[in-house]
Amino acid sequence: MGTAAVKPCTEVASGVLSLCGVAVRADKVRVLADKVGRGELAQKLERAVANDNTIVALNVEERQRLVEVLDEAPGSLPDLRHALVDQLKRLSDAERRQRQLRHDQALGRAQRERPAENGRAAS
């Protein structure tokens, strides 16, 4: 199976959908819909093909499910799998940075409050 080229959404041809920035032929999207089984993701993919949509927005859980499906068929749509894994990694990294920032902010507040408490205790 050939790889799908990454194209800007403005260059997506008829019969091709953009999944996570990767152009995927409609027949391949139908195969993905079949492989994910019944459910909202399958319906979303089928509806996008039926409505001749050019872009399909996917949430984190949907991206994870597609990676699972693509892992079950190694070599199938490698560009899409790579894009999904890369996007999920970036999301995970961003979430980790946000958690660290919140932790650092809480620690800074706690450290600023301690000297005030120590000053009151010494009086």
N, C-alpha and C. Protein backbone atom coordinates (compact mmCIF):
# COMPACT_ATOMS: atom_id res chain seq x y z
N MET A 1 0.85 -1.16 0.00
CA MET A 1 0.00 0.00 0.00
C MET A 1 0.89 1.22 0.00
N GLY A 2 0.62 2.21 -0.87
CA GLY A 2 1.43 3.40 -0.94
C GLY A 2 1.17 4.33 0.22
N THR A 3 2.09 5.27 0.38
CA THR A 3 1.93 6.21 1.48
C THR A 3 1.12 7.40 1.01
N ALA A 4 0.40 8.00 1.92
CA ALA A 4 -0.37 9.20 1.63
C ALA A 4 0.52 10.40 1.86
N ALA A 5 0.58 11.28 0.88
CA ALA A 5 1.42 12.45 1.01
C ALA A 5 0.76 13.48 1.92
N VAL A 6 1.58 14.16 2.71
CA VAL A 6 1.06 15.21 3.56
C VAL A 6 0.87 16.44 2.69
N LYS A 7 -0.37 16.96 2.66
CA LYS A 7 -0.68 18.12 1.84
C LYS A 7 -1.47 19.12 2.68
N PRO A 8 -1.28 20.40 2.41
CA PRO A 8 -2.15 21.37 3.07
C PRO A 8 -3.58 21.10 2.65
N CYS A 9 -4.52 21.41 3.53
CA CYS A 9 -5.92 21.12 3.27
C CYS A 9 -6.43 21.74 1.99
N THR A 10 -5.85 22.85 1.54
CA THR A 10 -6.30 23.50 0.32
C THR A 10 -5.97 22.67 -0.91
N GLU A 11 -5.06 21.69 -0.77
CA GLU A 11 -4.66 20.87 -1.91
C GLU A 11 -5.31 19.49 -1.91
N VAL A 12 -6.24 19.24 -1.01
CA VAL A 12 -6.88 17.93 -0.95
C VAL A 12 -7.81 17.78 -2.13
N ALA A 13 -7.61 16.73 -2.91
CA ALA A 13 -8.39 16.49 -4.12
C ALA A 13 -9.72 15.85 -3.78
N SER A 14 -10.59 15.83 -4.77
CA SER A 14 -11.88 15.17 -4.60
C SER A 14 -11.65 13.69 -4.33
N GLY A 15 -12.44 13.12 -3.42
CA GLY A 15 -12.27 11.72 -3.07
C GLY A 15 -11.15 11.49 -2.09
N VAL A 16 -10.62 12.57 -1.53
CA VAL A 16 -9.53 12.49 -0.57
C VAL A 16 -9.92 13.33 0.64
N LEU A 17 -9.66 12.81 1.82
CA LEU A 17 -9.96 13.52 3.06
C LEU A 17 -8.66 13.81 3.79
N SER A 18 -8.67 14.87 4.55
CA SER A 18 -7.51 15.21 5.36
C SER A 18 -7.76 14.74 6.79
N LEU A 19 -6.98 13.76 7.23
CA LEU A 19 -7.03 13.28 8.60
C LEU A 19 -5.73 13.71 9.26
N CYS A 20 -5.80 14.60 10.21
CA CYS A 20 -4.61 15.08 10.93
C CYS A 20 -3.56 15.65 9.98
N GLY A 21 -4.01 16.31 8.93
CA GLY A 21 -3.09 16.92 7.99
C GLY A 21 -2.55 15.99 6.94
N VAL A 22 -3.00 14.74 6.94
CA VAL A 22 -2.53 13.76 5.96
C VAL A 22 -3.67 13.46 4.99
N ALA A 23 -3.38 13.57 3.70
CA ALA A 23 -4.38 13.28 2.68
C ALA A 23 -4.55 11.76 2.57
N VAL A 24 -5.80 11.30 2.76
CA VAL A 24 -6.10 9.87 2.72
C VAL A 24 -7.28 9.68 1.76
N ARG A 25 -7.12 8.74 0.84
CA ARG A 25 -8.20 8.47 -0.12
C ARG A 25 -9.45 8.01 0.60
N ALA A 26 -10.60 8.35 0.05
CA ALA A 26 -11.89 8.02 0.67
C ALA A 26 -12.04 6.52 0.87
N ASP A 27 -11.57 5.71 -0.08
CA ASP A 27 -11.70 4.25 0.09
C ASP A 27 -10.89 3.75 1.29
N LYS A 28 -9.75 4.39 1.57
CA LYS A 28 -8.94 4.02 2.74
C LYS A 28 -9.63 4.48 4.03
N VAL A 29 -10.32 5.60 3.97
CA VAL A 29 -11.06 6.08 5.14
C VAL A 29 -12.20 5.12 5.45
N ARG A 30 -12.85 4.59 4.41
CA ARG A 30 -13.91 3.60 4.61
C ARG A 30 -13.34 2.34 5.27
N VAL A 31 -12.16 1.91 4.86
CA VAL A 31 -11.52 0.74 5.46
C VAL A 31 -11.22 1.02 6.93
N LEU A 32 -10.72 2.22 7.22
CA LEU A 32 -10.46 2.58 8.62
C LEU A 32 -11.76 2.55 9.43
N ALA A 33 -12.83 3.07 8.86
CA ALA A 33 -14.12 3.07 9.55
C ALA A 33 -14.56 1.64 9.87
N ASP A 34 -14.36 0.73 8.92
CA ASP A 34 -14.71 -0.67 9.16
C ASP A 34 -13.85 -1.27 10.26
N LYS A 35 -12.57 -0.92 10.28
CA LYS A 35 -11.64 -1.50 11.25
C LYS A 35 -11.85 -0.98 12.67
N VAL A 36 -12.32 0.25 12.82
CA VAL A 36 -12.54 0.77 14.18
C VAL A 36 -13.81 0.19 14.78
N GLY A 37 -14.61 -0.48 13.95
CA GLY A 37 -15.83 -1.11 14.45
C GLY A 37 -16.96 -0.11 14.55
N ARG A 38 -17.99 -0.54 15.25
CA ARG A 38 -19.14 0.34 15.43
C ARG A 38 -18.81 1.41 16.46
N GLY A 39 -19.49 2.51 16.34
CA GLY A 39 -19.29 3.58 17.31
C GLY A 39 -19.21 4.92 16.63
N GLU A 40 -18.99 5.93 17.46
CA GLU A 40 -19.00 7.31 16.97
C GLU A 40 -17.89 7.59 15.97
N LEU A 41 -16.69 7.04 16.20
CA LEU A 41 -15.58 7.29 15.27
C LEU A 41 -15.88 6.71 13.90
N ALA A 42 -16.37 5.48 13.87
CA ALA A 42 -16.72 4.86 12.59
C ALA A 42 -17.79 5.68 11.87
N GLN A 43 -18.79 6.12 12.62
CA GLN A 43 -19.86 6.93 12.02
C GLN A 43 -19.31 8.25 11.50
N LYS A 44 -18.41 8.86 12.26
CA LYS A 44 -17.82 10.13 11.83
C LYS A 44 -17.06 9.95 10.52
N LEU A 45 -16.26 8.89 10.43
CA LEU A 45 -15.48 8.65 9.21
C LEU A 45 -16.40 8.35 8.02
N GLU A 46 -17.40 7.49 8.25
CA GLU A 46 -18.35 7.15 7.18
C GLU A 46 -19.13 8.38 6.71
N ARG A 47 -19.56 9.20 7.67
CA ARG A 47 -20.32 10.41 7.35
C ARG A 47 -19.45 11.39 6.55
N ALA A 48 -18.18 11.50 6.91
CA ALA A 48 -17.28 12.40 6.20
C ALA A 48 -17.11 11.98 4.75
N VAL A 49 -17.00 10.67 4.52
CA VAL A 49 -16.88 10.17 3.15
C VAL A 49 -18.19 10.41 2.40
N ALA A 50 -19.31 10.06 3.03
CA ALA A 50 -20.62 10.21 2.38
C ALA A 50 -20.91 11.67 2.04
N ASN A 51 -20.50 12.59 2.91
CA ASN A 51 -20.77 14.01 2.69
C ASN A 51 -19.69 14.69 1.85
N ASP A 52 -18.71 13.91 1.40
CA ASP A 52 -17.60 14.44 0.61
C ASP A 52 -16.86 15.56 1.34
N ASN A 53 -16.70 15.38 2.67
CA ASN A 53 -15.92 16.35 3.45
C ASN A 53 -14.46 16.26 3.05
N THR A 54 -13.75 17.36 3.20
CA THR A 54 -12.32 17.33 2.89
C THR A 54 -11.46 17.25 4.15
N ILE A 55 -12.03 17.65 5.29
CA ILE A 55 -11.27 17.64 6.54
C ILE A 55 -12.09 16.92 7.61
N VAL A 56 -11.43 16.07 8.37
CA VAL A 56 -12.08 15.37 9.47
C VAL A 56 -11.32 15.73 10.75
N ALA A 57 -12.01 16.39 11.68
CA ALA A 57 -11.40 16.75 12.96
C ALA A 57 -11.49 15.55 13.90
N LEU A 58 -10.39 15.23 14.54
CA LEU A 58 -10.34 14.08 15.45
C LEU A 58 -9.88 14.54 16.83
N ASN A 59 -10.55 14.03 17.87
CA ASN A 59 -10.11 14.34 19.22
C ASN A 59 -9.01 13.35 19.63
N VAL A 60 -8.47 13.52 20.81
CA VAL A 60 -7.33 12.71 21.26
C VAL A 60 -7.69 11.23 21.28
N GLU A 61 -8.86 10.89 21.84
CA GLU A 61 -9.25 9.48 21.94
C GLU A 61 -9.42 8.86 20.55
N GLU A 62 -9.96 9.63 19.61
CA GLU A 62 -10.12 9.12 18.24
C GLU A 62 -8.77 8.90 17.57
N ARG A 63 -7.85 9.79 17.81
CA ARG A 63 -6.49 9.63 17.26
C ARG A 63 -5.83 8.38 17.85
N GLN A 64 -6.00 8.19 19.16
CA GLN A 64 -5.43 7.00 19.80
C GLN A 64 -6.03 5.73 19.21
N ARG A 65 -7.33 5.73 18.99
CA ARG A 65 -8.00 4.55 18.43
C ARG A 65 -7.49 4.26 17.02
N LEU A 66 -7.30 5.29 16.22
CA LEU A 66 -6.78 5.07 14.86
C LEU A 66 -5.36 4.51 14.90
N VAL A 67 -4.54 4.97 15.83
CA VAL A 67 -3.18 4.42 15.96
C VAL A 67 -3.28 2.93 16.29
N GLU A 68 -4.18 2.56 17.20
CA GLU A 68 -4.37 1.14 17.54
C GLU A 68 -4.73 0.33 16.30
N VAL A 69 -5.66 0.85 15.51
CA VAL A 69 -6.10 0.16 14.30
C VAL A 69 -4.94 0.05 13.31
N LEU A 70 -4.19 1.12 13.15
CA LEU A 70 -3.07 1.10 12.21
C LEU A 70 -1.94 0.20 12.70
N ASP A 71 -1.79 0.06 14.02
CA ASP A 71 -0.78 -0.86 14.57
C ASP A 71 -1.14 -2.30 14.28
N GLU A 72 -2.43 -2.60 14.15
CA GLU A 72 -2.88 -3.96 13.86
C GLU A 72 -2.58 -4.35 12.41
N ALA A 73 -2.34 -3.35 11.56
CA ALA A 73 -2.03 -3.60 10.15
C ALA A 73 -0.75 -2.86 9.79
N PRO A 74 0.41 -3.39 10.24
CA PRO A 74 1.68 -2.70 9.97
C PRO A 74 1.85 -2.41 8.47
N GLY A 75 2.35 -1.24 8.18
CA GLY A 75 2.57 -0.84 6.79
C GLY A 75 1.36 -0.16 6.17
N SER A 76 0.23 -0.18 6.88
CA SER A 76 -0.98 0.44 6.37
C SER A 76 -0.97 1.93 6.71
N LEU A 77 -1.01 2.77 5.71
CA LEU A 77 -1.03 4.22 5.88
C LEU A 77 0.04 4.72 6.86
N PRO A 78 1.30 4.45 6.58
CA PRO A 78 2.36 4.84 7.51
C PRO A 78 2.44 6.34 7.76
N ASP A 79 2.13 7.17 6.75
CA ASP A 79 2.18 8.62 6.97
C ASP A 79 1.12 9.07 7.97
N LEU A 80 -0.06 8.47 7.87
CA LEU A 80 -1.12 8.82 8.81
C LEU A 80 -0.74 8.37 10.22
N ARG A 81 -0.25 7.15 10.34
CA ARG A 81 0.15 6.65 11.66
C ARG A 81 1.23 7.54 12.27
N HIS A 82 2.23 7.90 11.46
CA HIS A 82 3.31 8.76 11.94
C HIS A 82 2.76 10.11 12.41
N ALA A 83 1.87 10.71 11.63
CA ALA A 83 1.30 12.01 12.00
C ALA A 83 0.50 11.90 13.30
N LEU A 84 -0.29 10.84 13.44
CA LEU A 84 -1.08 10.65 14.65
C LEU A 84 -0.19 10.48 15.88
N VAL A 85 0.82 9.62 15.76
CA VAL A 85 1.73 9.37 16.88
C VAL A 85 2.46 10.65 17.26
N ASP A 86 2.91 11.40 16.26
CA ASP A 86 3.62 12.65 16.51
C ASP A 86 2.71 13.66 17.22
N GLN A 87 1.47 13.78 16.76
CA GLN A 87 0.54 14.71 17.38
C GLN A 87 0.21 14.29 18.81
N LEU A 88 0.01 13.01 19.03
CA LEU A 88 -0.27 12.52 20.38
C LEU A 88 0.91 12.76 21.32
N LYS A 89 2.13 12.60 20.81
CA LYS A 89 3.32 12.85 21.62
C LYS A 89 3.42 14.32 21.99
N ARG A 90 3.15 15.20 21.01
CA ARG A 90 3.20 16.63 21.29
C ARG A 90 2.14 17.02 22.32
N LEU A 91 0.95 16.44 22.21
CA LEU A 91 -0.11 16.72 23.19
C LEU A 91 0.31 16.24 24.57
N SER A 92 0.90 15.06 24.63
CA SER A 92 1.36 14.51 25.91
C SER A 92 2.46 15.38 26.50
N ASP A 93 3.39 15.82 25.68
CA ASP A 93 4.47 16.69 26.15
C ASP A 93 3.90 18.01 26.67
N ALA A 94 2.92 18.57 25.96
CA ALA A 94 2.31 19.83 26.38
C ALA A 94 1.58 19.65 27.71
N GLU A 95 0.88 18.54 27.87
CA GLU A 95 0.19 18.27 29.13
C GLU A 95 1.19 18.12 30.27
N ARG A 96 2.31 17.45 30.00
CA ARG A 96 3.35 17.27 31.03
C ARG A 96 3.94 18.62 31.43
N ARG A 97 4.18 19.50 30.45
CA ARG A 97 4.71 20.83 30.76
C ARG A 97 3.70 21.64 31.58
N GLN A 98 2.42 21.51 31.26
CA GLN A 98 1.38 22.22 32.03
C GLN A 98 1.34 21.72 33.47
N ARG A 99 1.41 20.40 33.65
CA ARG A 99 1.42 19.84 35.02
C ARG A 99 2.62 20.34 35.80
N GLN A 100 3.79 20.36 35.16
CA GLN A 100 5.01 20.83 35.82
C GLN A 100 4.89 22.31 36.19
N LEU A 101 4.32 23.10 35.28
CA LEU A 101 4.14 24.52 35.55
C LEU A 101 3.21 24.73 36.74
N ARG A 102 2.09 23.99 36.79
CA ARG A 102 1.17 24.10 37.93
C ARG A 102 1.86 23.70 39.23
N HIS A 103 2.66 22.63 39.17
CA HIS A 103 3.40 22.17 40.35
C HIS A 103 4.38 23.25 40.81
N ASP A 104 5.13 23.81 39.86
CA ASP A 104 6.11 24.84 40.20
C ASP A 104 5.43 26.07 40.78
N GLN A 105 4.27 26.45 40.24
CA GLN A 105 3.55 27.60 40.76
C GLN A 105 3.06 27.34 42.18
N ALA A 106 2.53 26.15 42.42
CA ALA A 106 2.06 25.79 43.77
C ALA A 106 3.23 25.77 44.75
N LEU A 107 4.35 25.24 44.32
CA LEU A 107 5.54 25.20 45.17
C LEU A 107 6.02 26.61 45.49
N GLY A 108 6.01 27.49 44.49
CA GLY A 108 6.41 28.88 44.70
C GLY A 108 5.50 29.59 45.69
N ARG A 109 4.18 29.35 45.57
CA ARG A 109 3.24 29.94 46.52
C ARG A 109 3.52 29.44 47.93
N ALA A 110 3.75 28.15 48.06
CA ALA A 110 4.01 27.56 49.38
C ALA A 110 5.28 28.15 49.98
N GLN A 111 6.30 28.34 49.16
CA GLN A 111 7.55 28.89 49.68
C GLN A 111 7.39 30.35 50.07
N ARG A 112 6.58 31.10 49.33
CA ARG A 112 6.34 32.50 49.68
C ARG A 112 5.55 32.61 50.97
N GLU A 113 4.65 31.68 51.22
CA GLU A 113 3.82 31.71 52.42
C GLU A 113 4.60 31.30 53.66
N ARG A 114 5.57 30.43 53.53
CA ARG A 114 6.34 29.94 54.68
C ARG A 114 7.07 31.03 55.44
N PRO A 115 7.79 31.92 54.76
CA PRO A 115 8.49 32.96 55.53
C PRO A 115 7.52 33.82 56.33
N ALA A 116 6.36 34.11 55.80
CA ALA A 116 5.38 34.91 56.54
C ALA A 116 4.92 34.16 57.78
N GLU A 117 4.73 32.87 57.68
CA GLU A 117 4.32 32.06 58.82
C GLU A 117 5.44 31.99 59.86
N ASN A 118 6.67 31.85 59.40
CA ASN A 118 7.81 31.78 60.32
C ASN A 118 8.00 33.10 61.05
N GLY A 119 7.76 34.22 60.36
CA GLY A 119 7.90 35.53 60.98
C GLY A 119 6.86 35.74 62.06
N ARG A 120 5.65 35.24 61.85
CA ARG A 120 4.60 35.36 62.85
C ARG A 120 4.88 34.47 64.05
N ALA A 121 5.44 33.32 63.83
CA ALA A 121 5.73 32.38 64.92
C ALA A 121 6.82 32.93 65.83
N ALA A 122 7.77 33.70 65.28
CA ALA A 122 8.88 34.23 66.07
C ALA A 122 8.45 35.40 66.93
N SER A 123 7.37 36.07 66.61
CA SER A 123 6.94 37.24 67.37
C SER A 123 6.45 36.91 68.73
